[in-house]
Amino acid sequence: MLQLSGCSVPDPDAHHGPFPQPPLGAGHLSVEYAPGPVTVREARAEVRKALEGWGLDERGEVVDVAELLVGELATNALVHAGSSFRLTLSAAHGVLRCEVADTERRVPRVVEAGTGENGRGMFLVDALAQRWGCHRDGPGKTVWFELGTCGSDGCGRRQP
């Protein structure tokens, strides 16, 4: 075990400890997407490829949930901003953080999931992510969510 800042953390070995754990500082990716009919599909595929490359596919639901939620945020960026967007992924210390930045200033809100075909994106983010939020930056905003990556219920959760 390494000792950092007075706390124990797993050794940076992907298979150390009782839960599969990515190496500390497992990965970072940032990609800009132009608006288009296949953009959301491309972003989802990039999420799956990156997370599998970082060894997070051992916990398949993390990859599946991240892919689904990034698809929702990317769709929101295209529908509401109608412009390019930037997808940023980072995984370290039991937390996967996914961000989608676009040029729309309006902050998303969670609405009840009805029977319609639209409006469920942020409801899904709120239901499935451990944490999520939004901040305005420059001419637009960044919507982000976090998922735990190590398999224990408290993994990746931060205390308020």
Protein backbone atom coordinates (compact mmCIF):
# COMPACT_ATOMS: atom_id res chain seq x y z
CA MET A 1 0.00 0.00 0.00
CA LEU A 2 1.11 3.53 -0.72
CA GLN A 3 0.74 6.16 1.94
CA LEU A 4 -0.40 9.52 0.61
CA SER A 5 -1.52 12.42 2.76
CA GLY A 6 -1.99 10.18 5.76
CA CYS A 7 -4.48 7.83 4.09
CA SER A 8 -4.13 4.41 2.53
CA VAL A 9 -4.79 4.00 -1.17
CA PRO A 10 -4.40 0.93 -3.34
CA ASP A 11 -1.07 0.34 -4.99
CA PRO A 12 -1.24 1.58 -8.61
CA ASP A 13 -1.72 -1.97 -9.89
CA ALA A 14 -4.97 -2.58 -11.75
CA HIS A 15 -5.58 -5.87 -9.95
CA HIS A 16 -4.55 -4.94 -6.41
CA GLY A 17 -7.03 -5.37 -3.60
CA PRO A 18 -10.49 -6.90 -3.43
CA PHE A 19 -11.95 -4.76 -6.24
CA PRO A 20 -10.54 -4.25 -9.73
CA GLN A 21 -9.09 -0.77 -9.62
CA PRO A 22 -7.70 1.32 -12.45
CA PRO A 23 -4.20 2.63 -11.95
CA LEU A 24 -4.01 5.98 -10.18
CA GLY A 25 -4.35 8.61 -12.87
CA ALA A 26 -5.82 5.96 -15.18
CA GLY A 27 -6.75 8.16 -18.05
CA HIS A 28 -7.71 11.47 -19.56
CA LEU A 29 -9.32 12.19 -22.91
CA SER A 30 -10.74 15.35 -24.47
CA VAL A 31 -12.36 15.38 -27.92
CA GLU A 32 -14.17 18.12 -29.84
CA TYR A 33 -17.20 17.08 -31.92
CA ALA A 34 -18.85 19.04 -34.72
CA PRO A 35 -22.64 18.87 -34.93
CA GLY A 36 -23.84 16.14 -37.25
CA PRO A 37 -26.14 13.14 -37.59
CA VAL A 38 -23.59 10.60 -36.25
CA THR A 39 -21.94 12.76 -33.59
CA VAL A 40 -23.69 11.22 -30.58
CA ARG A 41 -22.91 7.70 -31.81
CA GLU A 42 -19.25 8.68 -32.29
CA ALA A 43 -19.06 10.17 -28.77
CA ARG A 44 -20.60 7.04 -27.22
CA ALA A 45 -18.17 4.81 -29.14
CA GLU A 46 -15.24 6.95 -27.99
CA VAL A 47 -16.36 6.60 -24.36
CA ARG A 48 -16.53 2.80 -24.64
CA LYS A 49 -13.15 2.60 -26.40
CA ALA A 50 -11.42 4.86 -23.85
CA LEU A 51 -12.88 3.17 -20.77
CA GLU A 52 -12.10 -0.30 -22.06
CA GLY A 53 -8.56 0.88 -22.84
CA TRP A 54 -8.25 2.13 -19.26
CA GLY A 55 -9.29 -1.28 -17.92
CA LEU A 56 -12.72 -0.20 -16.69
CA ASP A 57 -14.54 -2.88 -18.70
CA GLU A 58 -14.09 -5.34 -15.82
CA ARG A 59 -17.01 -3.48 -14.28
CA GLY A 60 -19.13 -3.48 -17.43
CA GLU A 61 -21.97 -1.47 -15.94
CA VAL A 62 -19.65 1.52 -15.46
CA VAL A 63 -18.88 1.53 -19.17
CA ASP A 64 -22.53 1.01 -20.10
CA VAL A 65 -23.80 3.76 -17.78
CA ALA A 66 -21.08 6.21 -18.86
CA GLU A 67 -21.85 5.52 -22.51
CA LEU A 68 -25.59 6.05 -21.94
CA LEU A 69 -25.20 9.26 -19.94
CA VAL A 70 -22.63 10.79 -22.31
CA GLY A 71 -25.08 10.04 -25.11
CA GLU A 72 -27.77 11.96 -23.23
CA LEU A 73 -25.51 14.96 -22.57
CA ALA A 74 -24.22 14.97 -26.16
CA THR A 75 -27.79 14.86 -27.47
CA ASN A 76 -28.71 17.78 -25.22
CA ALA A 77 -25.71 19.74 -26.53
CA LEU A 78 -26.74 19.16 -30.13
CA VAL A 79 -30.46 19.81 -29.59
CA HIS A 80 -30.20 22.85 -27.32
CA ALA A 81 -26.91 24.47 -28.37
CA GLY A 82 -26.90 23.32 -31.98
CA SER A 83 -23.13 23.71 -32.04
CA SER A 84 -19.98 21.72 -31.52
CA PHE A 85 -19.28 20.29 -28.07
CA ARG A 86 -16.28 19.01 -26.16
CA LEU A 87 -16.31 15.64 -24.39
CA THR A 88 -13.78 15.24 -21.58
CA LEU A 89 -13.24 12.02 -19.63
CA SER A 90 -10.94 11.47 -16.68
CA ALA A 91 -10.55 8.46 -14.41
CA ALA A 92 -8.51 8.36 -11.23
CA HIS A 93 -8.79 7.27 -7.62
CA GLY A 94 -12.03 5.31 -8.05
CA VAL A 95 -13.90 8.10 -9.87
CA LEU A 96 -14.81 8.49 -13.53
CA ARG A 97 -15.71 12.07 -14.44
CA CYS A 98 -17.41 12.82 -17.76
CA GLU A 99 -17.96 16.37 -19.00
CA VAL A 100 -19.76 17.78 -22.01
CA ALA A 101 -19.16 21.47 -22.77
CA ASP A 102 -21.28 23.37 -25.28
CA THR A 103 -22.15 26.95 -26.23
CA GLU A 104 -25.62 27.09 -24.65
CA ARG A 105 -25.77 29.16 -21.44
CA ARG A 106 -29.03 27.68 -20.12
CA VAL A 107 -28.45 25.26 -17.25
CA PRO A 108 -30.15 21.88 -17.68
CA ARG A 109 -32.85 20.83 -15.27
CA VAL A 110 -34.26 17.50 -14.24
CA VAL A 111 -37.86 16.93 -15.28
CA GLU A 112 -40.03 13.97 -14.43
CA ALA A 113 -39.71 11.15 -16.92
CA GLY A 114 -43.02 11.10 -18.71
CA THR A 115 -44.27 8.94 -21.53
CA GLY A 116 -42.97 11.24 -24.27
CA GLU A 117 -39.88 10.55 -26.31
CA ASN A 118 -38.00 13.64 -25.12
CA GLY A 119 -36.97 15.16 -21.82
CA ARG A 120 -35.54 12.17 -19.99
CA GLY A 121 -31.82 12.88 -20.39
CA MET A 122 -31.18 14.77 -17.16
CA PHE A 123 -33.61 12.49 -15.31
CA LEU A 124 -31.33 9.56 -16.26
CA VAL A 125 -28.19 11.49 -15.29
CA ASP A 126 -29.73 12.35 -11.93
CA ALA A 127 -30.86 8.76 -11.34
CA LEU A 128 -27.68 6.94 -12.39
CA ALA A 129 -24.73 9.23 -11.60
CA GLN A 130 -23.23 9.41 -8.13
CA ARG A 131 -22.91 13.18 -8.55
CA TRP A 132 -23.57 15.63 -11.35
CA GLY A 133 -23.54 19.33 -11.88
CA CYS A 134 -23.19 22.20 -14.30
CA HIS A 135 -21.11 25.35 -14.42
CA ARG A 136 -21.08 28.22 -16.84
CA ASP A 137 -17.76 28.95 -18.45
CA GLY A 138 -16.94 31.39 -21.20
CA PRO A 139 -19.71 31.57 -23.77
CA GLY A 140 -21.39 28.32 -22.68
CA LYS A 141 -21.58 25.71 -19.97
CA THR A 142 -20.15 22.36 -18.93
CA VAL A 143 -22.39 19.59 -17.65
CA TRP A 144 -20.59 16.81 -15.78
CA PHE A 145 -21.28 13.61 -13.91
CA GLU A 146 -19.24 11.17 -11.85
CA LEU A 147 -19.41 7.39 -11.44
CA GLY A 148 -17.52 5.15 -9.02
CA THR A 149 -15.23 2.63 -10.73
CA CYS A 150 -14.15 0.13 -8.10
CA GLY A 151 -17.20 -1.96 -7.26
CA SER A 152 -17.91 -1.05 -3.64
CA ASP A 153 -21.00 0.98 -2.81
CA GLY A 154 -19.04 3.94 -1.45
CA CYS A 155 -16.42 3.90 -4.19
CA GLY A 156 -15.88 7.30 -5.71
CA ARG A 157 -18.36 9.02 -3.45
CA ARG A 158 -17.27 12.26 -1.89
CA GLN A 159 -18.60 13.44 1.38
CA PRO A 160 -20.59 16.72 1.19
